[in-house]
Amino acid sequence: MRTVLEELFEREFDAMVGLARLMLGPGPDADDVVMTAFVSTAARIDHLDSPGGYLRTSVVNGCRRRLRDTRRRRRIWQERVVPAADREISASTEYVDDLLAILSERERAAIVLTYYLDLTNAQAAEVIGCRPGTVKSLVSRGLAKMRKATT
């Protein structure tokens, strides 16, 4: 008999690592954040109405905390971004990482939650801790920055 935590881990692990990698970029930080979120969820799982929602919120908050604590990461990412005229546009993971790197933490979270996890604005707002209208604004501004970087 599998526990709720085992089922949650099997169902959500890959998606949560993907979410964290989109927010943090490639590297071990994403795995660390996801594992920390699972530990946090495991400690509270008996008292949670939506363990998956709690896990997703924990991953997003962990990523935002990691980015806030590591300002150097933002500088490194922005230095990696090469003007679009100097590179071939492709759908490679590195290119997506570079585009996401130019966004603020909240813009990145809003875009990843709405496009990668396919959450509604209301669901993304709950995870980020803002209003649905703010999510729409963050997505709009983020997409505009990404478009500008590709022209």
Protein backbone atom coordinates (compact mmCIF):
# COMPACT_ATOMS: atom_id res chain seq x y z
CA MET A 1 0.00 0.00 0.00
CA ARG A 2 1.53 3.29 -1.12
CA THR A 3 1.28 6.39 1.01
CA VAL A 4 -0.09 9.73 -0.15
CA LEU A 5 3.45 11.11 -0.13
CA GLU A 6 4.76 8.31 -2.35
CA GLU A 7 1.94 8.88 -4.84
CA LEU A 8 2.53 12.64 -4.77
CA PHE A 9 6.25 12.14 -5.34
CA GLU A 10 5.69 9.79 -8.27
CA ARG A 11 3.07 12.05 -9.85
CA GLU A 12 4.68 15.47 -9.31
CA PHE A 13 8.47 15.10 -9.02
CA ASP A 14 9.37 15.55 -12.70
CA ALA A 15 6.96 18.47 -13.15
CA MET A 16 8.28 20.22 -10.02
CA VAL A 17 11.91 19.79 -11.12
CA GLY A 18 10.96 21.21 -14.53
CA LEU A 19 9.25 24.15 -12.85
CA ALA A 20 12.25 24.82 -10.63
CA ARG A 21 14.69 24.57 -13.56
CA LEU A 22 12.68 27.07 -15.54
CA MET A 23 12.74 29.48 -12.60
CA LEU A 24 16.35 28.90 -11.51
CA GLY A 25 18.09 27.77 -14.66
CA PRO A 26 20.10 24.59 -15.11
CA GLY A 27 22.07 23.17 -12.22
CA PRO A 28 21.66 21.46 -8.88
CA ASP A 29 19.74 24.31 -7.24
CA ALA A 30 16.47 23.18 -8.82
CA ASP A 31 16.79 19.65 -7.41
CA ASP A 32 17.65 21.03 -3.98
CA VAL A 33 14.61 23.30 -3.93
CA VAL A 34 12.29 20.49 -5.01
CA MET A 35 13.62 18.06 -2.42
CA THR A 36 13.30 20.71 0.29
CA ALA A 37 9.70 21.32 -0.80
CA PHE A 38 8.93 17.58 -0.60
CA VAL A 39 10.41 17.42 2.91
CA SER A 40 8.28 20.40 3.94
CA THR A 41 5.19 18.81 2.39
CA ALA A 42 5.90 15.46 4.08
CA ALA A 43 6.01 17.14 7.48
CA ARG A 44 2.51 18.59 6.97
CA ILE A 45 0.85 16.12 4.61
CA ASP A 46 -1.70 14.84 7.13
CA HIS A 47 -3.02 18.37 7.65
CA LEU A 48 -3.14 19.52 4.02
CA ASP A 49 -6.29 19.73 1.93
CA SER A 50 -4.22 19.97 -1.28
CA PRO A 51 -0.74 18.47 -0.91
CA GLY A 52 -0.03 19.11 -4.61
CA GLY A 53 -0.92 22.79 -4.28
CA TYR A 54 1.19 23.12 -1.14
CA LEU A 55 4.09 21.42 -2.90
CA ARG A 56 3.85 23.71 -5.95
CA THR A 57 3.70 26.80 -3.75
CA SER A 58 6.69 25.54 -1.75
CA VAL A 59 8.71 25.02 -4.94
CA VAL A 60 7.89 28.49 -6.28
CA ASN A 61 8.64 30.14 -2.94
CA GLY A 62 11.86 28.14 -2.60
CA CYS A 63 12.95 29.27 -6.05
CA ARG A 64 12.14 32.88 -5.30
CA ARG A 65 14.05 32.64 -2.00
CA ARG A 66 17.05 31.08 -3.78
CA LEU A 67 17.04 33.84 -6.39
CA ARG A 68 16.73 36.55 -3.76
CA ASP A 69 19.58 35.08 -1.74
CA THR A 70 21.80 34.73 -4.80
CA ARG A 71 21.81 38.11 -6.53
CA ARG A 72 25.01 37.10 -8.27
CA ARG A 73 23.05 34.52 -10.26
CA ARG A 74 21.01 37.23 -11.94
CA ARG A 75 24.14 39.08 -13.04
CA ILE A 76 25.67 35.90 -14.44
CA TRP A 77 22.48 35.09 -16.37
CA GLN A 78 22.21 38.58 -17.81
CA GLU A 79 25.82 38.42 -18.92
CA ARG A 80 25.06 35.15 -20.72
CA VAL A 81 22.19 36.66 -22.70
CA VAL A 82 23.45 37.34 -26.20
CA PRO A 83 21.52 39.80 -28.40
CA ALA A 84 19.14 37.96 -30.71
CA ALA A 85 20.85 39.37 -33.81
CA ASP A 86 24.03 37.50 -32.82
CA ARG A 87 22.45 34.08 -32.38
CA GLU A 88 20.22 31.70 -34.22
CA ILE A 89 16.80 31.59 -32.61
CA SER A 90 15.89 28.07 -31.60
CA ALA A 91 13.65 26.30 -29.12
CA SER A 92 16.61 24.97 -27.18
CA THR A 93 16.47 24.82 -23.41
CA GLU A 94 19.47 27.13 -23.13
CA TYR A 95 17.73 29.78 -25.21
CA VAL A 96 14.58 29.58 -23.08
CA ASP A 97 16.74 29.80 -19.95
CA ASP A 98 18.43 32.91 -21.36
CA LEU A 99 15.08 34.55 -22.12
CA LEU A 100 13.67 33.73 -18.70
CA ALA A 101 16.84 35.06 -17.09
CA ILE A 102 16.11 38.63 -18.21
CA LEU A 103 12.81 38.67 -16.30
CA SER A 104 12.21 39.69 -12.71
CA GLU A 105 11.49 36.90 -10.22
CA ARG A 106 7.76 37.61 -10.25
CA GLU A 107 7.54 37.88 -14.05
CA ARG A 108 9.41 34.61 -14.40
CA ALA A 109 7.14 32.90 -11.86
CA ALA A 110 3.98 34.20 -13.57
CA ILE A 111 5.09 33.06 -17.03
CA VAL A 112 6.30 29.66 -15.87
CA LEU A 113 3.15 29.00 -13.85
CA THR A 114 0.76 30.06 -16.62
CA TYR A 115 2.58 28.58 -19.63
CA TYR A 116 4.57 25.64 -18.25
CA LEU A 117 2.11 24.42 -15.59
CA ASP A 118 -0.93 25.75 -17.49
CA LEU A 119 -2.43 27.35 -14.38
CA THR A 120 -5.17 29.94 -14.60
CA ASN A 121 -4.39 33.52 -13.56
CA ALA A 122 -6.27 32.92 -10.31
CA GLN A 123 -4.27 29.76 -9.53
CA ALA A 124 -0.97 31.44 -10.38
CA ALA A 125 -1.95 34.43 -8.25
CA GLU A 126 -2.54 32.14 -5.29
CA VAL A 127 0.92 30.59 -5.69
CA ILE A 128 2.71 33.93 -6.16
CA GLY A 129 0.70 35.70 -3.48
CA CYS A 130 -0.92 38.45 -5.53
CA ARG A 131 -4.14 39.23 -7.40
CA PRO A 132 -5.10 37.62 -10.74
CA GLY A 133 -4.87 41.01 -12.45
CA THR A 134 -1.29 41.32 -11.26
CA VAL A 135 -0.49 37.95 -12.84
CA LYS A 136 -1.89 39.19 -16.16
CA SER A 137 0.26 42.30 -15.88
CA LEU A 138 3.39 40.33 -14.95
CA VAL A 139 2.87 37.95 -17.87
CA SER A 140 2.28 40.82 -20.28
CA ARG A 141 5.39 42.71 -19.17
CA GLY A 142 7.49 39.54 -19.15
CA LEU A 143 6.43 38.54 -22.65
CA ALA A 144 7.15 42.06 -23.88
CA LYS A 145 10.68 41.87 -22.46
CA MET A 146 11.20 38.46 -24.06
CA ARG A 147 9.92 39.72 -27.43
CA LYS A 148 12.21 42.74 -27.23
CA ALA A 149 15.19 40.48 -26.52
CA THR A 150 14.48 38.44 -29.64
CA THR A 151 14.25 41.38 -32.03
